Amino acid sequence: MVRYKAIISYDGTLFNGFQRQPKGTRTVQEELEKTLKQINSGKKVSVHGAGRTDAGVHAYGQVIHFDLDDNRDIEKLRFALDSQTPEDIAVVTVEIVSEDFHARYQKHFKTYEFLVDIGRSKNPMMRHYATSYPYPLNIALIKLAIKDLVGQHDFTGFTASGSSIENKVRTISKADVIFDEKRQFLIFTFTANGFLYKQVRNMVGTLLKIGNERMPVGQIAKVLESKNRQDAGPTAAGNGLYLKEIIYED
């Protein structure tokens, strides 16, 4: 068997997330496996992804791996996958990796980007690609509050209730926000050694509430200390979230 690693991007609008789900539900993993089965002479191929993005969430740099019986020409394989998958999936690169490589379990850092349309009249062309927030915002307060997310913390208060993961300690190495004045977008960027279920969306929802002055600047620190989901803000809609990049440790 030969193991292949691929970087893919996708528009998550019409997908019910990345991970395969009960029959009749469209997912990125399912579409990739259907295409690989065609390429592999009808033999089933399992796809493993680095992250399980939710419904409506997009990706620039999702990483997957899969196994085939033989050694294929890399560019021909990439082109076959890219041209035969649906238009809302692109296969950017393909390479051969060692048999012990695993897209999900290999140590890595993820970077997520979150776009918020803060124009008082929202941009209808971006309704699937940026979360609308047409309310007053003090961006300076957001810039102050976001700093408290950097470092190693227990992010229990920022994950969805009922999460089955026991260890909720993660290390965020970058938490930043910039204002694109021309497009009236806030662009949040988070890099960490892992993220909990809906963590990014909950952090953004809290930061927006701080910017709207309905929560104090110190609310991020309060949530980290209390580990109480009720202390955090609402979950921001998934349409503004992008899995931007995955970097594996050597």
Protein backbone atom coordinates (compact mmCIF):
# COMPACT_ATOMS: atom_id res chain seq x y z
CA MET A 1 0.00 0.00 0.00
CA VAL A 2 1.10 3.55 -0.76
CA ARG A 3 -0.03 6.41 1.49
CA TYR A 4 -0.87 9.76 -0.07
CA LYS A 5 -1.22 13.12 1.65
CA ALA A 6 -3.27 15.84 -0.03
CA ILE A 7 -4.08 19.46 0.71
CA ILE A 8 -7.63 20.35 -0.28
CA SER A 9 -9.82 23.42 -0.15
CA TYR A 10 -13.57 23.58 -0.19
CA ASP A 11 -16.57 25.87 -0.04
CA GLY A 12 -18.50 24.50 2.92
CA THR A 13 -21.82 26.17 2.06
CA LEU A 14 -23.53 23.05 0.70
CA PHE A 15 -21.76 20.53 2.92
CA ASN A 16 -22.95 19.23 6.26
CA GLY A 17 -19.36 19.30 7.51
CA PHE A 18 -16.26 17.34 6.56
CA GLN A 19 -16.87 14.02 8.29
CA ARG A 20 -18.95 11.24 6.73
CA GLN A 21 -22.43 11.04 8.24
CA PRO A 22 -25.58 8.90 7.84
CA LYS A 23 -26.60 8.16 4.26
CA GLY A 24 -28.22 11.04 2.44
CA THR A 25 -26.11 13.72 4.13
CA ARG A 26 -23.59 15.45 1.86
CA THR A 27 -20.09 15.75 3.33
CA VAL A 28 -16.61 16.50 2.00
CA GLN A 29 -15.25 13.12 3.08
CA GLU A 30 -18.06 11.29 1.28
CA GLU A 31 -17.49 13.16 -1.98
CA LEU A 32 -13.74 12.50 -1.87
CA GLU A 33 -14.26 8.80 -1.18
CA LYS A 34 -16.72 8.52 -4.09
CA THR A 35 -14.17 10.06 -6.45
CA LEU A 36 -11.31 7.90 -5.14
CA LYS A 37 -13.44 4.79 -5.60
CA GLN A 38 -13.93 5.68 -9.27
CA ILE A 39 -10.21 6.32 -9.73
CA ASN A 40 -9.38 3.07 -7.91
CA SER A 41 -11.33 0.80 -10.29
CA GLY A 42 -14.35 0.59 -8.00
CA LYS A 43 -12.43 -0.41 -4.87
CA LYS A 44 -13.34 1.48 -1.70
CA VAL A 45 -10.83 4.02 -0.37
CA SER A 46 -11.04 5.57 3.10
CA VAL A 47 -10.18 9.25 3.54
CA HIS A 48 -8.85 10.59 6.85
CA GLY A 49 -8.91 14.33 7.54
CA ALA A 50 -6.90 16.49 9.92
CA GLY A 51 -9.96 18.33 11.16
CA ARG A 52 -13.71 17.81 11.29
CA THR A 53 -15.12 21.13 10.11
CA ASP A 54 -18.80 21.80 10.82
CA ALA A 55 -21.65 22.46 8.41
CA GLY A 56 -21.08 25.65 6.41
CA VAL A 57 -17.42 25.96 7.46
CA HIS A 58 -14.85 26.43 4.68
CA ALA A 59 -11.24 25.38 4.20
CA TYR A 60 -8.22 26.74 2.34
CA GLY A 61 -5.81 24.10 3.62
CA GLN A 62 -7.50 20.97 4.94
CA VAL A 63 -5.13 17.97 4.97
CA ILE A 64 -6.22 14.42 4.20
CA HIS A 65 -4.54 11.07 3.68
CA PHE A 66 -5.59 7.90 1.90
CA ASP A 67 -4.02 4.63 0.76
CA LEU A 68 -3.88 3.12 -2.73
CA ASP A 69 -2.47 -0.22 -3.83
CA ASP A 70 0.08 1.26 -6.20
CA ASN A 71 2.47 4.13 -6.74
CA ARG A 72 0.82 6.70 -9.02
CA ASP A 73 2.11 9.68 -10.91
CA ILE A 74 1.50 12.49 -8.40
CA GLU A 75 0.33 15.18 -10.79
CA LYS A 76 -1.92 12.83 -12.74
CA LEU A 77 -3.51 11.67 -9.49
CA ARG A 78 -3.97 15.24 -8.27
CA PHE A 79 -5.51 16.31 -11.58
CA ALA A 80 -7.85 13.30 -11.64
CA LEU A 81 -9.07 14.07 -8.13
CA ASP A 82 -9.35 17.79 -8.78
CA SER A 83 -11.27 17.41 -12.03
CA GLN A 84 -13.60 14.62 -10.88
CA THR A 85 -14.62 15.97 -7.48
CA PRO A 86 -17.53 18.46 -7.35
CA GLU A 87 -16.83 22.10 -8.12
CA ASP A 88 -16.92 23.11 -4.46
CA ILE A 89 -13.85 20.96 -3.71
CA ALA A 90 -10.33 21.61 -5.01
CA VAL A 91 -7.35 19.28 -4.64
CA VAL A 92 -4.37 21.60 -4.33
CA THR A 93 -1.43 19.22 -3.83
CA VAL A 94 -0.77 15.49 -3.52
CA GLU A 95 2.38 13.79 -2.25
CA ILE A 96 3.53 10.36 -1.13
CA VAL A 97 4.24 10.08 2.60
CA SER A 98 5.43 7.37 4.96
CA GLU A 99 2.97 4.65 5.95
CA ASP A 100 2.89 5.89 9.56
CA PHE A 101 1.75 9.40 8.63
CA HIS A 102 -1.76 10.20 9.88
CA ALA A 103 -3.44 13.47 8.94
CA ARG A 104 -5.30 13.72 12.25
CA TYR A 105 -3.00 12.15 14.82
CA GLN A 106 0.38 13.43 13.63
CA LYS A 107 1.42 16.38 15.82
CA HIS A 108 0.46 19.61 14.11
CA PHE A 109 -0.66 23.22 14.50
CA LYS A 110 -3.87 24.52 12.96
CA THR A 111 -4.66 28.06 11.87
CA TYR A 112 -8.25 29.19 11.58
CA GLU A 113 -9.45 32.46 10.09
CA PHE A 114 -12.82 34.01 10.85
CA LEU A 115 -14.35 36.79 8.73
CA VAL A 116 -16.96 39.12 10.19
CA ASP A 117 -18.83 41.57 7.94
CA ILE A 118 -19.38 44.62 10.14
CA GLY A 119 -20.88 46.84 7.43
CA ARG A 120 -24.14 48.41 8.61
CA SER A 121 -25.60 47.27 5.29
CA LYS A 122 -24.29 43.73 4.88
CA ASN A 123 -22.63 42.52 1.68
CA PRO A 124 -25.10 40.02 0.13
CA MET A 125 -22.36 38.55 -2.06
CA MET A 126 -20.53 37.42 1.07
CA ARG A 127 -23.49 36.01 2.99
CA HIS A 128 -22.06 32.46 2.83
CA TYR A 129 -18.46 33.53 3.46
CA ALA A 130 -18.53 36.10 6.26
CA THR A 131 -20.68 36.32 9.38
CA SER A 132 -22.70 39.52 9.45
CA TYR A 133 -22.52 41.69 12.58
CA PRO A 134 -24.09 45.08 11.73
CA TYR A 135 -23.90 46.51 15.24
CA PRO A 136 -21.65 49.16 16.84
CA LEU A 137 -18.19 47.83 17.69
CA ASN A 138 -15.25 49.22 19.60
CA ILE A 139 -12.43 47.38 17.81
CA ALA A 140 -9.86 48.65 20.30
CA LEU A 141 -11.61 46.68 23.05
CA ILE A 142 -11.49 43.51 20.94
CA LYS A 143 -7.77 44.00 20.34
CA LEU A 144 -7.21 44.27 24.10
CA ALA A 145 -9.36 41.28 25.02
CA ILE A 146 -8.02 38.89 22.38
CA LYS A 147 -4.56 38.96 23.97
CA ASP A 148 -5.88 36.98 26.95
CA LEU A 149 -6.43 33.94 24.69
CA VAL A 150 -2.72 33.51 23.93
CA GLY A 151 -0.93 30.82 25.90
CA GLN A 152 -1.81 27.46 27.44
CA HIS A 153 -5.27 27.42 28.97
CA ASP A 154 -8.15 25.13 29.80
CA PHE A 155 -10.73 26.17 27.19
CA THR A 156 -13.69 24.35 28.75
CA GLY A 157 -15.68 27.59 28.86
CA PHE A 158 -15.28 28.06 25.11
CA THR A 159 -16.32 24.61 23.93
CA ALA A 160 -19.82 23.36 23.19
CA SER A 161 -21.61 21.85 26.17
CA GLY A 162 -21.66 18.07 26.22
CA SER A 163 -18.24 17.66 24.60
CA SER A 164 -16.85 14.18 25.30
CA ILE A 165 -13.19 15.26 25.20
CA GLU A 166 -11.75 15.15 28.71
CA ASN A 167 -8.54 17.15 28.26
CA LYS A 168 -9.57 20.64 27.23
CA VAL A 169 -6.15 22.26 27.65
CA ARG A 170 -4.83 23.79 24.44
CA THR A 171 -2.05 26.24 23.57
CA ILE A 172 -2.88 29.21 21.37
CA SER A 173 0.31 30.69 19.91
CA LYS A 174 -1.42 33.42 17.89
CA ALA A 175 -4.67 35.31 18.41
CA ASP A 176 -5.03 38.40 16.26
CA VAL A 177 -7.64 40.63 14.67
CA ILE A 178 -7.29 43.19 11.89
CA PHE A 179 -9.82 45.56 10.35
CA ASP A 180 -10.15 45.62 6.57
CA GLU A 181 -11.61 49.10 6.21
CA LYS A 182 -12.27 48.81 2.47
CA ARG A 183 -14.43 45.70 2.80
CA GLN A 184 -15.64 46.53 6.33
CA PHE A 185 -14.41 43.15 7.55
CA LEU A 186 -12.91 42.06 10.83
CA ILE A 187 -10.44 39.23 10.19
CA PHE A 188 -9.67 37.05 13.21
CA THR A 189 -6.73 34.61 13.10
CA PHE A 190 -6.06 31.86 15.63
CA THR A 191 -3.18 29.35 15.63
CA ALA A 192 -3.03 26.52 18.17
CA ASN A 193 -1.91 22.95 18.72
CA GLY A 194 -5.57 21.97 18.62
CA PHE A 195 -9.08 23.35 18.97
CA LEU A 196 -12.15 22.08 20.77
CA TYR A 197 -15.60 21.69 19.24
CA LYS A 198 -16.90 25.16 18.28
CA GLN A 199 -14.09 26.80 20.26
CA VAL A 200 -13.19 29.38 17.60
CA ARG A 201 -16.82 30.32 17.02
CA ASN A 202 -17.41 30.74 20.76
CA MET A 203 -14.28 32.85 21.17
CA VAL A 204 -15.33 35.11 18.29
CA GLY A 205 -18.87 35.39 19.67
CA THR A 206 -17.46 36.50 23.02
CA LEU A 207 -15.05 38.99 21.45
CA LEU A 208 -17.85 40.55 19.40
CA LYS A 209 -19.95 40.98 22.54
CA ILE A 210 -16.96 42.66 24.21
CA GLY A 211 -16.57 44.94 21.20
CA ASN A 212 -20.27 45.78 21.44
CA GLU A 213 -19.61 46.71 25.09
CA ARG A 214 -22.12 44.19 26.42
CA MET A 215 -19.27 42.34 28.14
CA PRO A 216 -16.18 43.79 29.86
CA VAL A 217 -12.69 43.49 28.40
CA GLY A 218 -11.79 41.06 31.18
CA GLN A 219 -14.51 38.59 30.17
CA ILE A 220 -12.08 36.33 28.29
CA ALA A 221 -9.96 35.90 31.41
CA LYS A 222 -13.13 35.28 33.43
CA VAL A 223 -14.28 32.48 31.12
CA LEU A 224 -10.84 30.85 31.20
CA GLU A 225 -10.86 30.95 35.00
CA SER A 226 -14.47 29.85 35.56
CA LYS A 227 -14.50 27.21 32.78
CA ASN A 228 -18.22 28.02 32.52
CA ARG A 229 -19.76 28.12 29.04
CA GLN A 230 -22.51 30.41 30.38
CA ASP A 231 -19.93 33.14 31.00
CA ALA A 232 -18.94 33.25 27.32
CA GLY A 233 -20.74 34.92 24.45
CA PRO A 234 -22.96 33.29 21.81
CA THR A 235 -21.64 30.92 19.16
CA ALA A 236 -20.82 32.86 16.00
CA ALA A 237 -22.30 31.45 12.78
CA GLY A 238 -20.07 28.97 10.95
CA ASN A 239 -20.17 30.66 7.55
CA GLY A 240 -17.33 33.02 8.50
CA LEU A 241 -14.94 30.25 9.59
CA TYR A 242 -12.06 28.93 7.46
CA LEU A 243 -9.55 26.19 8.20
CA LYS A 244 -6.63 28.14 6.79
CA GLU A 245 -3.50 26.04 7.30
CA ILE A 246 -2.13 22.93 8.99
CA ILE A 247 1.57 22.68 9.81
CA TYR A 248 2.99 19.32 10.89
CA GLU A 249 5.90 18.98 13.26
CA ASP A 250 8.96 17.20 11.94
